[in-house]
Amino acid sequence: MESNADTEVLRLWEQQSREEQITPPGEIQMKAERLDAKARRWRAATAVLLVLLLIKGAAEVWIQEGILERAGDLLLMAALVYAAYRYRKQRLAAPPGALGTTNCVAFYRAELVRQRDLSKDGWSFLLPFVPGMALVLLDGGLGTRSTGQLIALVACAVGLFLVIAWWNAHTARTLQDDVDALDAS
């Protein structure tokens, strides 16, 4: 049997004001616009970098004398084109037309999930560069470079791959945190 004090506590609990933790649509829209602007900036910077790297690779293929280094540079250029193709294919997976068929929260969440999945898949973008880098380093090892220089180059290449993989994992975790926060509200 409930006592009078329990009834009073229950009544006070039921009458207290409730604070809804729902994120307002305006805030979701602002976050979605910031995410889109950031993605556009990264795409533009990546496109410029891609063009510059392809020009550099073509120049190296043109002037290099070693067949291994030429082949490595061609493989690196092919890996760049492949990564750009995969990125573009992934980016076009959710056309902007979907915005009209979903509410802003669902669309923003879908964009976060899509970008998170793209970041999680970082190794599939990095691995195509390995054969080209290996041939370039192999040609350098057979050429005039000392063992110490070759070890330093391999360490730099492995370090670069690991930093990029770490950055992709960090980005995926950050985007997952955003998805979790959106799901919680």
Protein backbone atom coordinates (compact mmCIF):
# COMPACT_ATOMS: atom_id res chain seq x y z
CA MET A 1 0.00 0.00 0.00
CA GLU A 2 1.34 3.41 -0.91
CA SER A 3 1.84 5.96 1.78
CA ASN A 4 0.76 9.56 1.52
CA ALA A 5 4.43 10.62 1.05
CA ASP A 6 4.82 8.24 -1.92
CA THR A 7 1.66 9.62 -3.49
CA GLU A 8 2.92 13.16 -3.01
CA VAL A 9 6.32 12.36 -4.59
CA LEU A 10 4.61 10.68 -7.54
CA ARG A 11 2.31 13.69 -8.01
CA LEU A 12 5.28 16.11 -7.90
CA TRP A 13 7.25 13.96 -10.34
CA GLU A 14 4.33 13.85 -12.80
CA GLN A 15 3.76 17.62 -12.59
CA GLN A 16 7.33 18.75 -13.11
CA SER A 17 8.21 20.33 -16.42
CA ARG A 18 9.82 18.07 -18.96
CA GLU A 19 12.87 19.02 -20.89
CA GLU A 20 12.86 17.53 -24.33
CA GLN A 21 16.32 16.85 -25.72
CA ILE A 22 15.18 16.88 -29.32
CA THR A 23 17.57 18.72 -31.59
CA PRO A 24 15.72 21.49 -33.41
CA PRO A 25 15.47 21.14 -37.21
CA GLY A 26 17.26 24.47 -37.68
CA GLU A 27 20.30 23.14 -35.85
CA ILE A 28 20.24 19.92 -37.90
CA GLN A 29 20.03 21.97 -41.08
CA MET A 30 22.96 24.14 -39.97
CA LYS A 31 25.07 21.05 -39.17
CA ALA A 32 24.14 19.49 -42.52
CA GLU A 33 25.16 22.67 -44.36
CA ARG A 34 28.49 22.75 -42.48
CA LEU A 35 29.11 19.08 -43.33
CA ASP A 36 28.30 19.73 -46.98
CA ALA A 37 30.55 22.82 -47.13
CA LYS A 38 33.41 20.90 -45.50
CA ALA A 39 32.95 18.02 -47.94
CA ARG A 40 32.94 20.45 -50.90
CA ARG A 41 36.19 22.06 -49.69
CA TRP A 42 37.86 18.67 -49.28
CA ARG A 43 36.65 17.55 -52.72
CA ALA A 44 38.04 20.70 -54.34
CA ALA A 45 41.38 20.38 -52.56
CA THR A 46 41.56 16.69 -53.42
CA ALA A 47 40.78 17.38 -57.10
CA VAL A 48 43.56 19.97 -57.30
CA LEU A 49 45.99 17.60 -55.56
CA LEU A 50 44.97 14.76 -57.89
CA VAL A 51 45.63 16.85 -60.98
CA LEU A 52 48.99 18.03 -59.63
CA LEU A 53 50.05 14.48 -58.73
CA LEU A 54 49.02 13.19 -62.16
CA ILE A 55 51.04 15.95 -63.84
CA LYS A 56 54.03 15.16 -61.61
CA GLY A 57 53.66 11.43 -62.34
CA ALA A 58 53.45 12.02 -66.09
CA ALA A 59 56.57 14.21 -65.95
CA GLU A 60 58.45 11.53 -64.01
CA VAL A 61 57.41 8.83 -66.46
CA TRP A 62 58.60 11.06 -69.29
CA ILE A 63 62.04 11.83 -67.83
CA GLN A 64 62.88 8.63 -65.92
CA GLU A 65 65.30 6.22 -67.49
CA GLY A 66 64.76 3.18 -65.24
CA ILE A 67 62.02 0.88 -66.43
CA LEU A 68 61.07 -0.13 -62.86
CA GLU A 69 60.63 3.46 -61.75
CA ARG A 70 58.61 4.28 -64.87
CA ALA A 71 56.38 1.27 -64.25
CA GLY A 72 56.03 2.27 -60.60
CA ASP A 73 55.08 5.82 -61.54
CA LEU A 74 52.52 4.51 -64.03
CA LEU A 75 51.07 2.22 -61.35
CA LEU A 76 50.90 5.15 -58.92
CA MET A 77 49.06 7.22 -61.53
CA ALA A 78 46.66 4.32 -62.14
CA ALA A 79 46.09 4.04 -58.37
CA LEU A 80 45.29 7.77 -58.21
CA VAL A 81 42.75 7.44 -61.01
CA TYR A 82 41.25 4.34 -59.38
CA ALA A 83 40.95 6.08 -55.99
CA ALA A 84 39.30 9.09 -57.63
CA TYR A 85 36.87 6.79 -59.45
CA ARG A 86 36.00 4.89 -56.26
CA TYR A 87 35.54 8.11 -54.31
CA ARG A 88 33.29 9.59 -56.99
CA LYS A 89 31.26 6.38 -57.22
CA GLN A 90 30.80 6.36 -53.43
CA ARG A 91 29.95 10.05 -53.39
CA LEU A 92 27.25 9.60 -56.01
CA ALA A 93 25.68 6.72 -54.06
CA ALA A 94 23.10 9.09 -52.52
CA PRO A 95 21.99 11.66 -55.11
CA PRO A 96 20.81 15.08 -53.91
CA GLY A 97 17.33 14.16 -55.18
CA ALA A 98 16.94 12.05 -52.04
CA LEU A 99 16.68 15.28 -50.06
CA GLY A 100 13.13 15.80 -51.31
CA THR A 101 11.95 12.34 -50.23
CA THR A 102 13.28 12.31 -46.66
CA ASN A 103 13.12 14.66 -43.72
CA CYS A 104 16.20 16.72 -42.86
CA VAL A 105 17.22 14.53 -39.91
CA ALA A 106 17.08 11.30 -41.94
CA PHE A 107 18.97 12.88 -44.84
CA TYR A 108 21.66 14.35 -42.56
CA ARG A 109 22.03 11.00 -40.78
CA ALA A 110 22.32 9.19 -44.13
CA GLU A 111 25.07 11.62 -45.20
CA LEU A 112 26.95 11.08 -41.94
CA VAL A 113 26.69 7.31 -42.33
CA ARG A 114 27.80 7.47 -45.98
CA GLN A 115 30.86 9.57 -45.12
CA ARG A 116 31.63 7.36 -42.11
CA ASP A 117 31.55 4.27 -44.31
CA LEU A 118 33.79 6.00 -46.85
CA SER A 119 36.30 6.80 -44.08
CA LYS A 120 36.15 3.26 -42.69
CA ASP A 121 37.04 1.90 -46.12
CA GLY A 122 40.38 3.74 -46.16
CA TRP A 123 42.58 0.68 -46.70
CA SER A 124 40.85 -0.13 -49.97
CA PHE A 125 41.94 3.29 -51.18
CA LEU A 126 45.51 2.91 -49.89
CA LEU A 127 46.36 -0.62 -51.00
CA PRO A 128 46.36 0.12 -54.78
CA PHE A 129 49.35 2.42 -54.18
CA VAL A 130 51.52 -0.35 -52.71
CA PRO A 131 52.71 -1.97 -56.00
CA GLY A 132 53.73 1.37 -57.51
CA MET A 133 55.52 2.46 -54.36
CA ALA A 134 57.27 -0.92 -54.17
CA LEU A 135 58.54 -0.63 -57.74
CA VAL A 136 59.75 2.93 -57.22
CA LEU A 137 61.55 1.91 -54.02
CA LEU A 138 62.93 -1.25 -55.63
CA ASP A 139 64.39 0.78 -58.48
CA GLY A 140 65.88 3.15 -55.92
CA GLY A 141 67.40 0.19 -54.06
CA LEU A 142 68.97 -1.12 -57.25
CA GLY A 143 70.24 2.33 -58.18
CA THR A 144 72.56 4.72 -56.44
CA ARG A 145 70.76 5.01 -53.08
CA SER A 146 72.49 3.69 -49.99
CA THR A 147 70.88 1.16 -47.68
CA GLY A 148 70.23 3.86 -45.08
CA GLN A 149 68.46 6.07 -47.63
CA LEU A 150 66.37 3.14 -48.81
CA ILE A 151 65.38 2.24 -45.24
CA ALA A 152 64.45 5.88 -44.60
CA LEU A 153 62.30 5.96 -47.76
CA VAL A 154 60.52 2.72 -46.83
CA ALA A 155 59.95 4.03 -43.28
CA CYS A 156 58.54 7.29 -44.68
CA ALA A 157 56.24 5.40 -47.06
CA VAL A 158 54.97 3.08 -44.31
CA GLY A 159 54.60 6.04 -41.95
CA LEU A 160 52.60 7.96 -44.54
CA PHE A 161 50.28 4.98 -45.07
CA LEU A 162 49.79 4.58 -41.31
CA VAL A 163 49.10 8.29 -40.76
CA ILE A 164 46.50 8.28 -43.55
CA ALA A 165 44.91 5.11 -42.14
CA TRP A 166 44.86 6.65 -38.64
CA TRP A 167 43.29 9.85 -40.00
CA ASN A 168 40.59 7.85 -41.80
CA ALA A 169 39.85 5.85 -38.62
CA HIS A 170 39.71 9.07 -36.57
CA THR A 171 37.31 10.63 -39.08
CA ALA A 172 35.13 7.51 -39.03
CA ARG A 173 35.00 7.61 -35.20
CA THR A 174 34.10 11.31 -35.21
CA LEU A 175 31.33 10.75 -37.74
CA GLN A 176 30.06 7.76 -35.74
CA ASP A 177 29.92 9.98 -32.64
CA ASP A 178 27.83 12.46 -34.63
CA VAL A 179 25.50 9.66 -35.76
CA ASP A 180 25.18 8.40 -32.18
CA ALA A 181 24.41 11.91 -30.90
CA LEU A 182 21.78 12.35 -33.60
CA ASP A 183 20.23 8.97 -32.76
CA ALA A 184 20.16 9.84 -29.05
CA SER A 185 18.21 13.06 -29.62
